[in-house]
Amino acid sequence: MTLVLTEPVNRTILLLDIEDFSRRDDVVQACLRRELHNVVEGTLAAAGVERNMQYREDRGDGLIMLVSADIPKTVLLRALLTTIPDALCQYNRLASRSAQMRLRMVLAAGEVAFDPKQGTVGGLVGHDLNQSCRLLDADALREALAQGEADCVLGVSSPVYEGVVRHGHRGLRPEEFHHAAVSVKKDRLDLWLHGSLPEGTTTPVPEPVSAGRGGKGAHEGAAGQSPAAPASSGAAFAFNGGTVSVGGSQVNGDQTGTSGGHVTGDVIMGTVRYEGRSEQA
């Protein structure tokens, strides 16, 4: 019997993966999996996520978790940045070298549907989930964990960064997250990594450019576009083919420059405004 695909619903997506899991023997793998579930239990409890507000799918070397949108992402982020590192530190202090556990983590959000099949487990379907899994596999995230000394590393998707992190809510410091453009399979994605980026992965994000009279969008700097040049202070004169530009002044409205000099529209020179005046030199 085939069950009907459920309607997609918005969920917070939490993904975890154990570093070098496949290199361990079966006994160690079983130990790591048990401890991973213990760490997750404590983390979700700290964030107030009850059983009926979560879905977990065991992936062997990691977990896929969906959390109800009723749980604030700020709370989950604080738990990921504090509870999980503390739990891993305590475990690794007592674990043998072969059983040390380090984690890659991704927090994202999006629409996910459920398409279960009788006799099988799982059945999650959704583009947003696929993109989140790509972020978990990104080289930048793997290298950040491999090169760092911490027991875990966290990356968040652009929607989570833009909607939550960058606003600086309690316990979240935007300056501690760094942008990296990552390529996984055929996808080019944006990852915001907590902590330092590994060498060679720094990809500065252009500053937003305000929309002008021409109706341009606010976020210039996408592919093929250049961010606005920084404003300079003081007066500056530029002569270009008969057109004179005065730095520090503002010219609002249509402008036409010729050898004879023709200006249409409001002109502000210092503190003097010439409104709707047309001058012919």
C-alpha atoms as a PDB file:
ATOM      1  CA  MET A   1       0.000   0.000   0.000  1.00  0.00           C
ATOM      2  CA  THR A   2       1.292   3.476  -0.892  1.00  0.00           C
ATOM      3  CA  LEU A   3       0.588   6.330   1.470  1.00  0.00           C
ATOM      4  CA  VAL A   4      -0.226   9.754   0.093  1.00  0.00           C
ATOM      5  CA  LEU A   5       2.445  12.460   0.141  1.00  0.00           C
ATOM      6  CA  THR A   6       1.714  14.937   2.898  1.00  0.00           C
ATOM      7  CA  GLU A   7       1.503  18.650   2.228  1.00  0.00           C
ATOM      8  CA  PRO A   8       4.867  20.405   2.726  1.00  0.00           C
ATOM      9  CA  VAL A   9       5.153  22.310   5.998  1.00  0.00           C
ATOM     10  CA  ASN A  10       7.768  24.715   7.278  1.00  0.00           C
ATOM     11  CA  ARG A  11      10.245  23.156   9.685  1.00  0.00           C
ATOM     12  CA  THR A  12      13.559  24.027  11.246  1.00  0.00           C
ATOM     13  CA  ILE A  13      16.121  21.608   9.814  1.00  0.00           C
ATOM     14  CA  LEU A  14      18.955  20.396  12.029  1.00  0.00           C
ATOM     15  CA  LEU A  15      21.614  18.092  10.579  1.00  0.00           C
ATOM     16  CA  LEU A  16      24.522  16.462  12.418  1.00  0.00           C
ATOM     17  CA  ASP A  17      27.350  14.287  11.125  1.00  0.00           C
ATOM     18  CA  ILE A  18      30.169  12.509  12.984  1.00  0.00           C
ATOM     19  CA  GLU A  19      33.657  13.167  11.634  1.00  0.00           C
ATOM     20  CA  ASP A  20      35.570  10.116  10.309  1.00  0.00           C
ATOM     21  CA  PHE A  21      32.757   7.756  11.275  1.00  0.00           C
ATOM     22  CA  SER A  22      33.431   5.185   8.544  1.00  0.00           C
ATOM     23  CA  ARG A  23      37.068   4.822   9.616  1.00  0.00           C
ATOM     24  CA  ARG A  24      36.096   3.353  12.990  1.00  0.00           C
ATOM     25  CA  ASP A  25      35.357  -0.307  13.682  1.00  0.00           C
ATOM     26  CA  ASP A  26      31.823  -1.519  14.357  1.00  0.00           C
ATOM     27  CA  VAL A  27      32.168  -1.444  18.144  1.00  0.00           C
ATOM     28  CA  VAL A  28      33.317   2.175  18.146  1.00  0.00           C
ATOM     29  CA  GLN A  29      30.645   3.161  15.635  1.00  0.00           C
ATOM     30  CA  ALA A  30      27.950   1.740  17.885  1.00  0.00           C
ATOM     31  CA  CYS A  31      29.383   3.663  20.839  1.00  0.00           C
ATOM     32  CA  LEU A  32      29.484   6.904  18.860  1.00  0.00           C
ATOM     33  CA  ARG A  33      25.902   6.511  17.665  1.00  0.00           C
ATOM     34  CA  ARG A  34      24.630   5.970  21.195  1.00  0.00           C
ATOM     35  CA  GLU A  35      26.501   8.999  22.459  1.00  0.00           C
ATOM     36  CA  LEU A  36      25.267  11.137  19.584  1.00  0.00           C
ATOM     37  CA  HIS A  37      21.682  10.372  20.577  1.00  0.00           C
ATOM     38  CA  ASN A  38      22.520  11.234  24.188  1.00  0.00           C
ATOM     39  CA  VAL A  39      23.987  14.574  23.124  1.00  0.00           C
ATOM     40  CA  VAL A  40      20.963  15.357  20.971  1.00  0.00           C
ATOM     41  CA  GLU A  41      18.539  14.422  23.756  1.00  0.00           C
ATOM     42  CA  GLY A  42      20.212  16.862  26.123  1.00  0.00           C
ATOM     43  CA  THR A  43      20.395  19.607  23.506  1.00  0.00           C
ATOM     44  CA  LEU A  44      16.746  19.399  22.482  1.00  0.00           C
ATOM     45  CA  ALA A  45      15.679  19.248  26.129  1.00  0.00           C
ATOM     46  CA  ALA A  46      17.699  22.396  26.832  1.00  0.00           C
ATOM     47  CA  ALA A  47      15.881  24.096  23.944  1.00  0.00           C
ATOM     48  CA  GLY A  48      12.472  22.983  25.213  1.00  0.00           C
ATOM     49  CA  VAL A  49      11.766  20.718  22.235  1.00  0.00           C
ATOM     50  CA  GLU A  50       9.317  18.042  23.334  1.00  0.00           C
ATOM     51  CA  ARG A  51       8.861  14.669  21.631  1.00  0.00           C
ATOM     52  CA  ASN A  52       5.770  15.713  19.726  1.00  0.00           C
ATOM     53  CA  MET A  53       7.627  18.739  18.323  1.00  0.00           C
ATOM     54  CA  GLN A  54      10.417  16.871  16.573  1.00  0.00           C
ATOM     55  CA  TYR A  55      11.169  14.227  13.959  1.00  0.00           C
ATOM     56  CA  ARG A  56      14.430  12.282  13.886  1.00  0.00           C
ATOM     57  CA  GLU A  57      15.863  10.137  11.156  1.00  0.00           C
ATOM     58  CA  ASP A  58      18.960   8.066  11.935  1.00  0.00           C
ATOM     59  CA  ARG A  59      21.516   8.209   9.122  1.00  0.00           C
ATOM     60  CA  GLY A  60      24.084   5.926  10.737  1.00  0.00           C
ATOM     61  CA  ASP A  61      26.885   8.461  10.995  1.00  0.00           C
ATOM     62  CA  GLY A  62      24.514  11.297  11.811  1.00  0.00           C
ATOM     63  CA  LEU A  63      20.970  12.530  12.227  1.00  0.00           C
ATOM     64  CA  ILE A  64      18.370  14.462  10.288  1.00  0.00           C
ATOM     65  CA  MET A  65      16.033  16.339  12.582  1.00  0.00           C
ATOM     66  CA  LEU A  66      12.985  18.442  11.886  1.00  0.00           C
ATOM     67  CA  VAL A  67      11.824  20.749  14.648  1.00  0.00           C
ATOM     68  CA  SER A  68       8.484  22.491  14.889  1.00  0.00           C
ATOM     69  CA  ALA A  69       8.503  26.111  13.754  1.00  0.00           C
ATOM     70  CA  ASP A  70       6.965  26.922  17.153  1.00  0.00           C
ATOM     71  CA  ILE A  71      10.434  26.552  18.700  1.00  0.00           C
ATOM     72  CA  PRO A  72      12.378  29.807  18.262  1.00  0.00           C
ATOM     73  CA  LYS A  73      15.519  29.372  16.209  1.00  0.00           C
ATOM     74  CA  THR A  74      17.311  31.666  18.641  1.00  0.00           C
ATOM     75  CA  VAL A  75      16.799  29.064  21.378  1.00  0.00           C
ATOM     76  CA  LEU A  76      18.075  26.247  19.168  1.00  0.00           C
ATOM     77  CA  LEU A  77      21.112  28.259  18.118  1.00  0.00           C
ATOM     78  CA  ARG A  78      22.055  29.028  21.709  1.00  0.00           C
ATOM     79  CA  ALA A  79      21.796  25.323  22.553  1.00  0.00           C
ATOM     80  CA  LEU A  80      23.931  24.373  19.555  1.00  0.00           C
ATOM     81  CA  LEU A  81      26.571  26.905  20.545  1.00  0.00           C
ATOM     82  CA  THR A  82      26.683  25.985  24.237  1.00  0.00           C
ATOM     83  CA  THR A  83      25.038  22.681  25.190  1.00  0.00           C
ATOM     84  CA  ILE A  84      26.523  20.534  22.426  1.00  0.00           C
ATOM     85  CA  PRO A  85      30.133  21.775  22.864  1.00  0.00           C
ATOM     86  CA  ASP A  86      29.898  21.195  26.617  1.00  0.00           C
ATOM     87  CA  ALA A  87      28.460  17.684  26.154  1.00  0.00           C
ATOM     88  CA  LEU A  88      31.147  16.743  23.627  1.00  0.00           C
ATOM     89  CA  CYS A  89      33.883  18.093  25.881  1.00  0.00           C
ATOM     90  CA  GLN A  90      32.686  15.974  28.791  1.00  0.00           C
ATOM     91  CA  TYR A  91      32.395  12.854  26.645  1.00  0.00           C
ATOM     92  CA  ASN A  92      35.779  13.238  24.931  1.00  0.00           C
ATOM     93  CA  ARG A  93      37.544  13.746  28.273  1.00  0.00           C
ATOM     94  CA  LEU A  94      36.712  10.161  29.191  1.00  0.00           C
ATOM     95  CA  ALA A  95      36.602   8.495  25.769  1.00  0.00           C
ATOM     96  CA  SER A  96      39.563   6.659  24.279  1.00  0.00           C
ATOM     97  CA  ARG A  97      41.403   8.236  21.375  1.00  0.00           C
ATOM     98  CA  SER A  98      39.692   5.916  18.885  1.00  0.00           C
ATOM     99  CA  ALA A  99      36.252   6.897  20.211  1.00  0.00           C
ATOM    100  CA  GLN A 100      36.628  10.677  20.166  1.00  0.00           C
ATOM    101  CA  MET A 101      33.611  12.390  18.641  1.00  0.00           C
ATOM    102  CA  ARG A 102      33.565  15.613  16.625  1.00  0.00           C
ATOM    103  CA  LEU A 103      30.520  16.939  14.813  1.00  0.00           C
ATOM    104  CA  ARG A 104      29.577  18.988  11.796  1.00  0.00           C
ATOM    105  CA  MET A 105      26.234  20.729  12.275  1.00  0.00           C
ATOM    106  CA  VAL A 106      23.919  22.716  10.007  1.00  0.00           C
ATOM    107  CA  LEU A 107      20.835  24.664  11.017  1.00  0.00           C
ATOM    108  CA  ALA A 108      18.495  25.617   8.196  1.00  0.00           C
ATOM    109  CA  ALA A 109      14.781  26.006   7.564  1.00  0.00           C
ATOM    110  CA  GLY A 110      12.311  25.324   4.810  1.00  0.00           C
ATOM    111  CA  GLU A 111       9.399  23.356   3.440  1.00  0.00           C
ATOM    112  CA  VAL A 112       9.503  19.594   3.942  1.00  0.00           C
ATOM    113  CA  ALA A 113       6.938  16.954   2.988  1.00  0.00           C
ATOM    114  CA  PHE A 114       6.674  13.337   4.149  1.00  0.00           C
ATOM    115  CA  ASP A 115       6.206  10.460   1.731  1.00  0.00           C
ATOM    116  CA  PRO A 116       6.353   7.239   3.780  1.00  0.00           C
ATOM    117  CA  LYS A 117       6.303   3.784   2.211  1.00  0.00           C
ATOM    118  CA  GLN A 118       5.055   0.703   3.992  1.00  0.00           C
ATOM    119  CA  GLY A 119       7.870  -1.506   5.234  1.00  0.00           C
ATOM    120  CA  THR A 120      10.461   1.289   5.102  1.00  0.00           C
ATOM    121  CA  VAL A 121      11.584   4.109   7.346  1.00  0.00           C
ATOM    122  CA  GLY A 122      12.085   7.722   6.386  1.00  0.00           C
ATOM    123  CA  GLY A 123      10.485   9.396   3.417  1.00  0.00           C
ATOM    124  CA  LEU A 124      11.352  13.073   3.757  1.00  0.00           C
ATOM    125  CA  VAL A 125      10.990  15.083   0.562  1.00  0.00           C
ATOM    126  CA  GLY A 126      11.895  18.694  -0.128  1.00  0.00           C
ATOM    127  CA  HIS A 127      14.240  20.975  -2.036  1.00  0.00           C
ATOM    128  CA  ASP A 128      15.087  22.936   1.111  1.00  0.00           C
ATOM    129  CA  LEU A 129      16.125  19.729   2.867  1.00  0.00           C
ATOM    130  CA  ASN A 130      18.279  18.737  -0.107  1.00  0.00           C
ATOM    131  CA  GLN A 131      20.039  22.108  -0.019  1.00  0.00           C
ATOM    132  CA  SER A 132      20.634  21.748   3.719  1.00  0.00           C
ATOM    133  CA  CYS A 133      22.288  18.370   3.175  1.00  0.00           C
ATOM    134  CA  ARG A 134      24.519  19.976   0.562  1.00  0.00           C
ATOM    135  CA  LEU A 135      25.640  22.533   3.142  1.00  0.00           C
ATOM    136  CA  LEU A 136      26.509  19.730   5.564  1.00  0.00           C
ATOM    137  CA  ASP A 137      28.722  18.171   2.872  1.00  0.00           C
ATOM    138  CA  ALA A 138      30.453  21.442   1.973  1.00  0.00           C
ATOM    139  CA  ASP A 139      34.251  21.369   2.007  1.00  0.00           C
ATOM    140  CA  ALA A 140      34.343  24.640   3.946  1.00  0.00           C
ATOM    141  CA  LEU A 141      32.480  23.031   6.849  1.00  0.00           C
ATOM    142  CA  ARG A 142      34.602  19.868   6.756  1.00  0.00           C
ATOM    143  CA  GLU A 143      37.851  21.832   6.634  1.00  0.00           C
ATOM    144  CA  ALA A 144      36.774  24.161   9.424  1.00  0.00           C
ATOM    145  CA  LEU A 145      36.305  21.154  11.703  1.00  0.00           C
ATOM    146  CA  ALA A 146      39.499  19.435  10.555  1.00  0.00           C
ATOM    147  CA  GLN A 147      41.653  22.554  10.988  1.00  0.00           C
ATOM    148  CA  GLY A 148      40.088  23.755  14.234  1.00  0.00           C
ATOM    149  CA  GLU A 149      40.540  22.583  17.792  1.00  0.00           C
ATOM    150  CA  ALA A 150      36.861  22.619  18.763  1.00  0.00           C
ATOM    151  CA  ASP A 151      34.833  19.404  18.983  1.00  0.00           C
ATOM    152  CA  CYS A 152      32.133  20.739  16.664  1.00  0.00           C
ATOM    153  CA  VAL A 153      31.494  23.326  13.999  1.00  0.00           C
ATOM    154  CA  LEU A 154      28.216  24.990  13.088  1.00  0.00           C
ATOM    155  CA  GLY A 155      27.025  26.378   9.778  1.00  0.00           C
ATOM    156  CA  VAL A 156      23.693  28.062   9.089  1.00  0.00           C
ATOM    157  CA  SER A 157      21.822  28.696   5.862  1.00  0.00           C
ATOM    158  CA  SER A 158      21.285  32.180   4.457  1.00  0.00           C
ATOM    159  CA  PRO A 159      17.616  32.319   5.541  1.00  0.00           C
ATOM    160  CA  VAL A 160      18.615  31.523   9.131  1.00  0.00           C
ATOM    161  CA  TYR A 161      21.437  34.057   9.085  1.00  0.00           C
ATOM    162  CA  GLU A 162      19.357  36.822   7.494  1.00  0.00           C
ATOM    163  CA  GLY A 163      16.244  36.159   9.550  1.00  0.00           C
ATOM    164  CA  VAL A 164      17.832  35.456  12.922  1.00  0.00           C
ATOM    165  CA  VAL A 165      21.602  35.657  13.364  1.00  0.00           C
ATOM    166  CA  ARG A 166      22.367  39.030  11.817  1.00  0.00           C
ATOM    167  CA  HIS A 167      19.956  40.814  14.176  1.00  0.00           C
ATOM    168  CA  GLY A 168      22.133  40.050  17.195  1.00  0.00           C
ATOM    169  CA  HIS A 169      19.590  38.426  19.483  1.00  0.00           C
ATOM    170  CA  ARG A 170      20.712  37.425  22.978  1.00  0.00           C
ATOM    171  CA  GLY A 171      23.616  34.998  22.843  1.00  0.00           C
ATOM    172  CA  LEU A 172      24.102  35.400  19.085  1.00  0.00           C
ATOM    173  CA  ARG A 173      26.963  37.505  17.759  1.00  0.00           C
ATOM    174  CA  PRO A 174      26.733  38.155  14.001  1.00  0.00           C
ATOM    175  CA  GLU A 175      30.428  39.037  13.814  1.00  0.00           C
ATOM    176  CA  GLU A 176      31.264  35.453  14.778  1.00  0.00           C
ATOM    177  CA  PHE A 177      29.609  34.104  11.622  1.00  0.00           C
ATOM    178  CA  HIS A 178      31.495  34.294   8.343  1.00  0.00           C
ATOM    179  CA  HIS A 179      30.177  33.887   4.827  1.00  0.00           C
ATOM    180  CA  ALA A 180      31.466  31.287   2.381  1.00  0.00           C
ATOM    181  CA  ALA A 181      30.184  30.522  -1.108  1.00  0.00           C
ATOM    182  CA  VAL A 182      30.285  26.744  -1.459  1.00  0.00           C
ATOM    183  CA  SER A 183      29.853  24.384  -4.403  1.00  0.00           C
ATOM    184  CA  VAL A 184      28.455  20.917  -3.739  1.00  0.00           C
ATOM    185  CA  LYS A 185      27.670  18.700  -6.715  1.00  0.00           C
ATOM    186  CA  LYS A 186      25.876  21.074  -9.124  1.00  0.00           C
ATOM    187  CA  ASP A 187      24.701  23.550  -6.491  1.00  0.00           C
ATOM    188  CA  ARG A 188      26.302  26.858  -5.529  1.00  0.00           C
ATOM    189  CA  LEU A 189      25.135  27.825  -2.048  1.00  0.00           C
ATOM    190  CA  ASP A 190      25.760  30.364   0.694  1.00  0.00           C
ATOM    191  CA  LEU A 191      26.984  29.075   4.043  1.00  0.00           C
ATOM    192  CA  TRP A 192      27.431  31.134   7.196  1.00  0.00           C
ATOM    193  CA  LEU A 193      30.077  29.475   9.333  1.00  0.00           C
ATOM    194  CA  HIS A 194      30.417  30.116  13.047  1.00  0.00           C
ATOM    195  CA  GLY A 195      34.036  30.754  13.877  1.00  0.00           C
ATOM    196  CA  SER A 196      37.004  31.268  11.583  1.00  0.00           C
ATOM    197  CA  LEU A 197      36.886  30.198   7.973  1.00  0.00           C
ATOM    198  CA  PRO A 198      39.543  27.760   6.755  1.00  0.00           C
ATOM    199  CA  GLU A 199      42.198  29.278   4.514  1.00  0.00           C
ATOM    200  CA  GLY A 200      41.147  29.979   0.966  1.00  0.00           C
ATOM    201  CA  THR A 201      37.398  30.077   1.610  1.00  0.00           C
ATOM    202  CA  THR A 202      36.845  33.719   2.527  1.00  0.00           C
ATOM    203  CA  THR A 203      34.207  35.229   0.267  1.00  0.00           C
ATOM    204  CA  PRO A 204      33.230  38.738   1.395  1.00  0.00           C
ATOM    205  CA  VAL A 205      29.589  39.675   0.947  1.00  0.00           C
ATOM    206  CA  PRO A 206      28.991  43.043  -0.771  1.00  0.00           C
ATOM    207  CA  GLU A 207      27.298  45.670   1.334  1.00  0.00           C
ATOM    208  CA  PRO A 208      23.661  46.294   0.354  1.00  0.00           C
ATOM    209  CA  VAL A 209      23.117  49.259  -1.972  1.00  0.00           C
ATOM    210  CA  SER A 210      20.041  51.417  -1.430  1.00  0.00           C
ATOM    211  CA  ALA A 211      17.534  51.581  -4.261  1.00  0.00           C
ATOM    212  CA  GLY A 212      17.941  54.717  -6.376  1.00  0.00           C
ATOM    213  CA  ARG A 213      15.619  56.661  -8.648  1.00  0.00           C
ATOM    214  CA  GLY A 214      16.106  54.046 -11.356  1.00  0.00           C
ATOM    215  CA  GLY A 215      14.357  51.422  -9.189  1.00  0.00           C
ATOM    216  CA  LYS A 216      17.344  49.120  -8.658  1.00  0.00           C
ATOM    217  CA  GLY A 217      17.022  46.505  -5.923  1.00  0.00           C
ATOM    218  CA  ALA A 218      18.676  46.906  -2.572  1.00  0.00           C
ATOM    219  CA  HIS A 219      21.155  44.015  -2.780  1.00  0.00           C
ATOM    220  CA  GLU A 220      23.691  44.967  -5.439  1.00  0.00           C
ATOM    221  CA  GLY A 221      26.823  42.896  -5.705  1.00  0.00           C
ATOM    222  CA  ALA A 222      25.316  39.742  -7.156  1.00  0.00           C
ATOM    223  CA  ALA A 223      26.995  38.057 -10.102  1.00  0.00           C
ATOM    224  CA  GLY A 224      27.873  40.610 -12.766  1.00  0.00           C
ATOM    225  CA  GLN A 225      27.188  43.604 -10.539  1.00  0.00           C
ATOM    226  CA  SER A 226      29.563  45.785  -8.567  1.00  0.00           C
ATOM    227  CA  PRO A 227      29.000  47.152  -5.091  1.00  0.00           C
ATOM    228  CA  ALA A 228      28.755  50.899  -4.730  1.00  0.00           C
ATOM    229  CA  ALA A 229      32.003  52.787  -4.347  1.00  0.00           C
ATOM    230  CA  PRO A 230      32.603  54.111  -0.849  1.00  0.00           C
ATOM    231  CA  ALA A 231      31.703  57.765  -0.298  1.00  0.00           C
ATOM    232  CA  SER A 232      34.583  60.192   0.008  1.00  0.00           C
ATOM    233  CA  SER A 233      34.733  63.267   2.168  1.00  0.00           C
ATOM    234  CA  GLY A 234      35.764  66.739   1.053  1.00  0.00           C
ATOM    235  CA  ALA A 235      35.387  68.488  -2.281  1.00  0.00           C
ATOM    236  CA  ALA A 236      36.783  66.982  -5.464  1.00  0.00           C
ATOM    237  CA  PHE A 237      36.707  68.163  -9.089  1.00  0.00           C
ATOM    238  CA  ALA A 238      36.687  65.821 -12.065  1.00  0.00           C
ATOM    239  CA  PHE A 239      36.858  67.037 -15.677  1.00  0.00           C
ATOM    240  CA  ASN A 240      35.645  64.511 -18.214  1.00  0.00           C
ATOM    241  CA  GLY A 241      34.908  65.573 -21.788  1.00  0.00           C
ATOM    242  CA  GLY A 242      33.538  68.957 -20.841  1.00  0.00           C
ATOM    243  CA  THR A 243      31.473  67.715 -17.897  1.00  0.00           C
ATOM    244  CA  VAL A 244      32.431  69.024 -14.497  1.00  0.00           C
ATOM    245  CA  SER A 245      31.687  66.950 -11.382  1.00  0.00           C
ATOM    246  CA  VAL A 246      31.965  68.547  -7.977  1.00  0.00           C
ATOM    247  CA  GLY A 247      32.544  66.121  -5.101  1.00  0.00           C
ATOM    248  CA  GLY A 248      30.424  66.775  -2.027  1.00  0.00           C
ATOM    249  CA  SER A 249      27.608  68.328  -4.073  1.00  0.00           C
ATOM    250  CA  GLN A 250      24.342  66.649  -5.048  1.00  0.00           C
ATOM    251  CA  VAL A 251      22.587  66.761  -8.398  1.00  0.00           C
ATOM    252  CA  ASN A 252      19.016  65.436  -8.256  1.00  0.00           C
ATOM    253  CA  GLY A 253      17.083  64.768 -11.415  1.00  0.00           C
ATOM    254  CA  ASP A 254      18.064  64.348 -15.046  1.00  0.00           C
ATOM    255  CA  GLN A 255      21.512  65.541 -16.015  1.00  0.00           C
ATOM    256  CA  THR A 256      22.892  66.407 -19.465  1.00  0.00           C
ATOM    257  CA  GLY A 257      26.435  67.605 -19.833  1.00  0.00           C
ATOM    258  CA  THR A 258      27.849  69.171 -23.019  1.00  0.00           C
ATOM    259  CA  SER A 259      30.706  71.421 -23.910  1.00  0.00           C
ATOM    260  CA  GLY A 260      28.489  74.451 -23.364  1.00  0.00           C
ATOM    261  CA  GLY A 261      27.140  73.106 -20.086  1.00  0.00           C
ATOM    262  CA  HIS A 262      23.450  72.233 -19.691  1.00  0.00           C
ATOM    263  CA  VAL A 263      21.922  71.134 -16.373  1.00  0.00           C
ATOM    264  CA  THR A 264      18.291  70.116 -15.924  1.00  0.00           C
ATOM    265  CA  GLY A 265      16.740  69.369 -12.509  1.00  0.00           C
ATOM    266  CA  ASP A 266      17.407  70.451  -8.938  1.00  0.00           C
ATOM    267  CA  VAL A 267      20.992  71.302  -8.128  1.00  0.00           C
ATOM    268  CA  ILE A 268      22.455  71.509  -4.639  1.00  0.00           C
ATOM    269  CA  MET A 269      25.832  73.223  -4.409  1.00  0.00           C
ATOM    270  CA  GLY A 270      26.899  73.211  -0.782  1.00  0.00           C
ATOM    271  CA  THR A 271      23.924  74.688   1.068  1.00  0.00           C
ATOM    272  CA  VAL A 272      22.433  76.618  -1.915  1.00  0.00           C
ATOM    273  CA  ARG A 273      19.605  74.937  -3.831  1.00  0.00           C
ATOM    274  CA  TYR A 274      18.687  75.905  -7.411  1.00  0.00           C
ATOM    275  CA  GLU A 275      15.320  74.350  -8.134  1.00  0.00           C
ATOM    276  CA  GLY A 276      14.133  73.596 -11.646  1.00  0.00           C
ATOM    277  CA  ARG A 277      16.621  76.089 -13.135  1.00  0.00           C
ATOM    278  CA  SER A 278      18.125  75.725 -16.569  1.00  0.00           C
ATOM    279  CA  GLU A 279      21.344  77.630 -17.253  1.00  0.00           C
ATOM    280  CA  GLN A 280      23.173  77.961 -20.533  1.00  0.00           C
ATOM    281  CA  ALA A 281      26.792  78.937 -20.231  1.00  0.00           C
END
